[in-house]
N, C-alpha and C. Protein backbone atom coordinates (compact mmCIF):
# COMPACT_ATOMS: atom_id res chain seq x y z
N UNK A 1 0.84 -1.18 0.00
CA UNK A 1 0.00 0.00 0.00
C UNK A 1 0.89 1.24 0.00
N UNK A 2 0.67 2.10 -0.97
CA UNK A 2 1.49 3.30 -1.09
C UNK A 2 1.03 4.39 -0.13
N UNK A 3 -0.27 4.65 -0.09
CA UNK A 3 -0.78 5.72 0.75
C UNK A 3 -1.29 5.12 2.06
N UNK A 4 -0.66 5.49 3.14
CA UNK A 4 -1.01 4.96 4.46
C UNK A 4 -2.21 5.71 5.05
N UNK A 5 -3.03 5.02 5.84
CA UNK A 5 -4.10 5.71 6.56
C UNK A 5 -3.52 6.53 7.72
N UNK A 6 -4.24 7.53 8.15
CA UNK A 6 -3.77 8.42 9.22
C UNK A 6 -3.39 7.66 10.48
N UNK A 7 -4.15 6.63 10.82
CA UNK A 7 -3.86 5.88 12.04
C UNK A 7 -2.47 5.24 11.99
N UNK A 8 -2.06 4.78 10.83
CA UNK A 8 -0.72 4.19 10.68
C UNK A 8 0.35 5.28 10.65
N UNK A 9 0.02 6.41 10.09
CA UNK A 9 0.99 7.50 9.99
C UNK A 9 1.34 8.04 11.38
N UNK A 10 0.36 8.20 12.24
CA UNK A 10 0.65 8.70 13.58
C UNK A 10 1.54 7.72 14.34
N UNK A 11 1.29 6.43 14.18
CA UNK A 11 2.14 5.43 14.82
C UNK A 11 3.55 5.45 14.23
N UNK A 12 3.64 5.66 12.94
CA UNK A 12 4.94 5.72 12.29
C UNK A 12 5.74 6.94 12.74
N UNK A 13 5.06 8.05 12.98
CA UNK A 13 5.74 9.24 13.50
C UNK A 13 6.30 8.96 14.89
N UNK A 14 5.53 8.29 15.71
CA UNK A 14 5.99 7.91 17.05
C UNK A 14 7.18 6.95 16.95
N UNK A 15 7.09 6.00 16.05
CA UNK A 15 8.17 5.04 15.85
C UNK A 15 9.44 5.76 15.42
N UNK A 16 9.30 6.73 14.52
CA UNK A 16 10.46 7.48 14.03
C UNK A 16 11.12 8.25 15.17
N UNK A 17 10.35 8.74 16.10
CA UNK A 17 10.92 9.45 17.24
C UNK A 17 11.66 8.51 18.18
N UNK A 18 11.21 7.27 18.25
CA UNK A 18 11.80 6.31 19.18
C UNK A 18 12.99 5.56 18.57
N UNK A 19 12.96 5.35 17.27
CA UNK A 19 14.00 4.57 16.60
C UNK A 19 14.04 4.94 15.13
N UNK A 20 14.95 4.33 14.41
CA UNK A 20 15.03 4.58 12.96
C UNK A 20 13.92 3.82 12.24
N UNK A 21 13.44 4.43 11.17
CA UNK A 21 12.47 3.74 10.33
C UNK A 21 13.12 3.48 8.98
N UNK A 22 12.58 2.53 8.25
CA UNK A 22 13.16 2.18 6.96
C UNK A 22 12.96 3.32 5.95
N UNK A 23 13.72 3.27 4.88
CA UNK A 23 13.58 4.31 3.85
C UNK A 23 12.21 4.23 3.19
N UNK A 24 11.67 3.03 3.07
CA UNK A 24 10.32 2.86 2.52
C UNK A 24 9.27 3.50 3.43
N UNK A 25 9.41 3.25 4.73
CA UNK A 25 8.47 3.86 5.69
C UNK A 25 8.60 5.37 5.67
N UNK A 26 9.83 5.85 5.60
CA UNK A 26 10.06 7.30 5.58
C UNK A 26 9.46 7.93 4.32
N UNK A 27 9.59 7.26 3.19
CA UNK A 27 9.01 7.75 1.94
C UNK A 27 7.48 7.81 2.03
N UNK A 28 6.87 6.75 2.54
CA UNK A 28 5.41 6.71 2.68
C UNK A 28 4.92 7.78 3.65
N UNK A 29 5.66 7.98 4.72
CA UNK A 29 5.32 9.00 5.69
C UNK A 29 5.39 10.39 5.05
N UNK A 30 6.47 10.65 4.33
CA UNK A 30 6.62 11.95 3.66
C UNK A 30 5.50 12.20 2.65
N UNK A 31 5.17 11.19 1.89
CA UNK A 31 4.09 11.32 0.90
C UNK A 31 2.77 11.66 1.59
N UNK A 32 2.47 10.95 2.66
CA UNK A 32 1.21 11.18 3.37
C UNK A 32 1.18 12.61 3.94
N UNK A 33 2.30 13.03 4.53
CA UNK A 33 2.34 14.37 5.14
C UNK A 33 2.20 15.48 4.11
N UNK A 34 2.62 15.23 2.88
CA UNK A 34 2.45 16.24 1.83
C UNK A 34 0.98 16.42 1.47
N UNK A 35 0.20 15.38 1.67
CA UNK A 35 -1.20 15.40 1.26
C UNK A 35 -2.16 15.72 2.41
N UNK A 36 -1.86 15.23 3.61
CA UNK A 36 -2.81 15.28 4.72
C UNK A 36 -2.51 16.42 5.70
N UNK A 37 -3.37 17.41 5.73
CA UNK A 37 -3.14 18.55 6.63
C UNK A 37 -3.33 18.16 8.09
N UNK A 38 -4.16 17.16 8.37
CA UNK A 38 -4.40 16.74 9.75
C UNK A 38 -3.16 16.07 10.34
N UNK A 39 -2.51 15.25 9.56
CA UNK A 39 -1.30 14.60 10.05
C UNK A 39 -0.13 15.58 10.14
N UNK A 40 -0.10 16.57 9.26
CA UNK A 40 0.92 17.62 9.38
C UNK A 40 0.73 18.38 10.69
N UNK A 41 -0.51 18.66 11.04
CA UNK A 41 -0.81 19.35 12.30
C UNK A 41 -0.41 18.47 13.49
N UNK A 42 -0.70 17.19 13.41
CA UNK A 42 -0.32 16.26 14.46
C UNK A 42 1.20 16.22 14.60
N UNK A 43 1.91 16.20 13.47
CA UNK A 43 3.37 16.17 13.48
C UNK A 43 3.93 17.42 14.16
N UNK A 44 3.36 18.57 13.86
CA UNK A 44 3.82 19.81 14.49
C UNK A 44 3.61 19.77 15.99
N UNK A 45 2.45 19.29 16.42
CA UNK A 45 2.17 19.21 17.85
C UNK A 45 3.09 18.19 18.52
N UNK A 46 3.36 17.11 17.85
CA UNK A 46 4.27 16.09 18.37
C UNK A 46 5.68 16.65 18.52
N UNK A 47 6.13 17.41 17.54
CA UNK A 47 7.46 18.02 17.61
C UNK A 47 7.54 19.02 18.76
N UNK A 48 6.50 19.80 18.95
CA UNK A 48 6.47 20.76 20.07
C UNK A 48 6.53 20.01 21.39
N UNK A 49 5.73 18.98 21.52
CA UNK A 49 5.71 18.19 22.74
C UNK A 49 7.07 17.55 23.02
N UNK A 50 7.68 16.97 22.00
CA UNK A 50 9.00 16.36 22.17
C UNK A 50 10.05 17.39 22.56
N UNK A 51 9.98 18.57 21.97
CA UNK A 51 10.92 19.63 22.30
C UNK A 51 10.76 20.05 23.76
N UNK A 52 9.52 20.20 24.22
CA UNK A 52 9.26 20.56 25.61
C UNK A 52 9.82 19.50 26.55
N UNK A 53 9.56 18.24 26.22
CA UNK A 53 10.06 17.15 27.06
C UNK A 53 11.58 17.10 27.10
N UNK A 54 12.23 17.31 25.96
CA UNK A 54 13.69 17.29 25.92
C UNK A 54 14.27 18.43 26.74
N UNK A 55 13.68 19.62 26.62
CA UNK A 55 14.16 20.76 27.41
C UNK A 55 13.96 20.50 28.91
N UNK A 56 12.82 19.95 29.25
CA UNK A 56 12.53 19.65 30.66
C UNK A 56 13.53 18.63 31.20
N UNK A 57 13.82 17.61 30.42
CA UNK A 57 14.77 16.59 30.85
C UNK A 57 16.18 17.15 30.99
N UNK A 58 16.56 18.04 30.08
CA UNK A 58 17.90 18.62 30.18
C UNK A 58 18.01 19.54 31.38
N UNK A 59 16.93 20.18 31.77
CA UNK A 59 16.94 21.05 32.95
C UNK A 59 16.98 20.23 34.24
N UNK A 60 16.32 19.09 34.22
CA UNK A 60 16.20 18.28 35.43
C UNK A 60 17.01 16.99 35.32
N UNK A 61 18.27 17.09 34.93
CA UNK A 61 19.09 15.90 34.76
C UNK A 61 19.22 15.10 36.05
N UNK A 62 19.14 15.76 37.15
CA UNK A 62 19.29 15.07 38.43
C UNK A 62 18.03 14.34 38.85
N UNK A 63 16.90 14.73 38.29
CA UNK A 63 15.64 14.06 38.61
C UNK A 63 15.55 12.77 37.80
N UNK A 64 15.08 11.73 38.43
CA UNK A 64 14.94 10.43 37.75
C UNK A 64 13.54 10.35 37.16
N UNK A 65 13.45 10.44 35.84
CA UNK A 65 12.19 10.29 35.13
C UNK A 65 12.37 9.11 34.19
N UNK A 66 11.52 8.11 34.33
CA UNK A 66 11.68 6.95 33.46
C UNK A 66 10.83 7.09 32.20
N UNK A 67 11.10 6.24 31.24
CA UNK A 67 10.42 6.33 29.94
C UNK A 67 8.92 6.13 30.04
N UNK A 68 8.47 5.30 30.96
CA UNK A 68 7.02 5.08 31.08
C UNK A 68 6.32 6.34 31.56
N UNK A 69 6.96 7.11 32.44
CA UNK A 69 6.36 8.38 32.87
C UNK A 69 6.27 9.37 31.71
N UNK A 70 7.30 9.41 30.88
CA UNK A 70 7.28 10.29 29.71
C UNK A 70 6.19 9.86 28.74
N UNK A 71 6.10 8.56 28.49
CA UNK A 71 5.08 8.06 27.58
C UNK A 71 3.68 8.34 28.11
N UNK A 72 3.47 8.15 29.41
CA UNK A 72 2.16 8.44 30.02
C UNK A 72 1.81 9.91 29.86
N UNK A 73 2.80 10.78 30.06
CA UNK A 73 2.58 12.21 29.89
C UNK A 73 2.21 12.54 28.45
N UNK A 74 2.95 11.96 27.49
CA UNK A 74 2.65 12.19 26.08
C UNK A 74 1.23 11.75 25.74
N UNK A 75 0.85 10.58 26.22
CA UNK A 75 -0.48 10.05 25.93
C UNK A 75 -1.57 10.96 26.49
N UNK A 76 -1.37 11.48 27.70
CA UNK A 76 -2.36 12.38 28.29
C UNK A 76 -2.48 13.68 27.49
N UNK A 77 -1.34 14.21 27.05
CA UNK A 77 -1.37 15.45 26.26
C UNK A 77 -2.06 15.20 24.92
N UNK A 78 -1.72 14.09 24.27
CA UNK A 78 -2.31 13.77 22.97
C UNK A 78 -3.81 13.58 23.10
N UNK A 79 -4.26 12.96 24.17
CA UNK A 79 -5.69 12.78 24.41
C UNK A 79 -6.42 14.12 24.49
N UNK A 80 -5.73 15.12 25.02
CA UNK A 80 -6.35 16.42 25.22
C UNK A 80 -6.20 17.37 24.05
N UNK A 81 -5.43 16.97 23.04
CA UNK A 81 -5.28 17.80 21.85
C UNK A 81 -6.51 17.70 20.98
N UNK A 82 -6.92 18.79 20.44
CA UNK A 82 -8.06 18.79 19.51
C UNK A 82 -7.51 18.64 18.11
N UNK A 83 -7.53 17.42 17.59
CA UNK A 83 -7.03 17.22 16.22
C UNK A 83 -8.18 17.20 15.29
């Protein structure tokens, strides 16, 4: 399938943030983002959220925050976003 549905694209964006994705996945993601304004908006919000989290972590290096807490926070924010 060349054109991915939005539900797969959002998961692929999350996967790309966590690890490397294949060149095929990256191409399909780029194609979808060129066409879908909703996923572009989601990507922008995701980038903002990731930037905030990275800045917060760099400020609080001495605080122990585990990945599950970060993921829970991301999920709560995403739930509250109006997409």
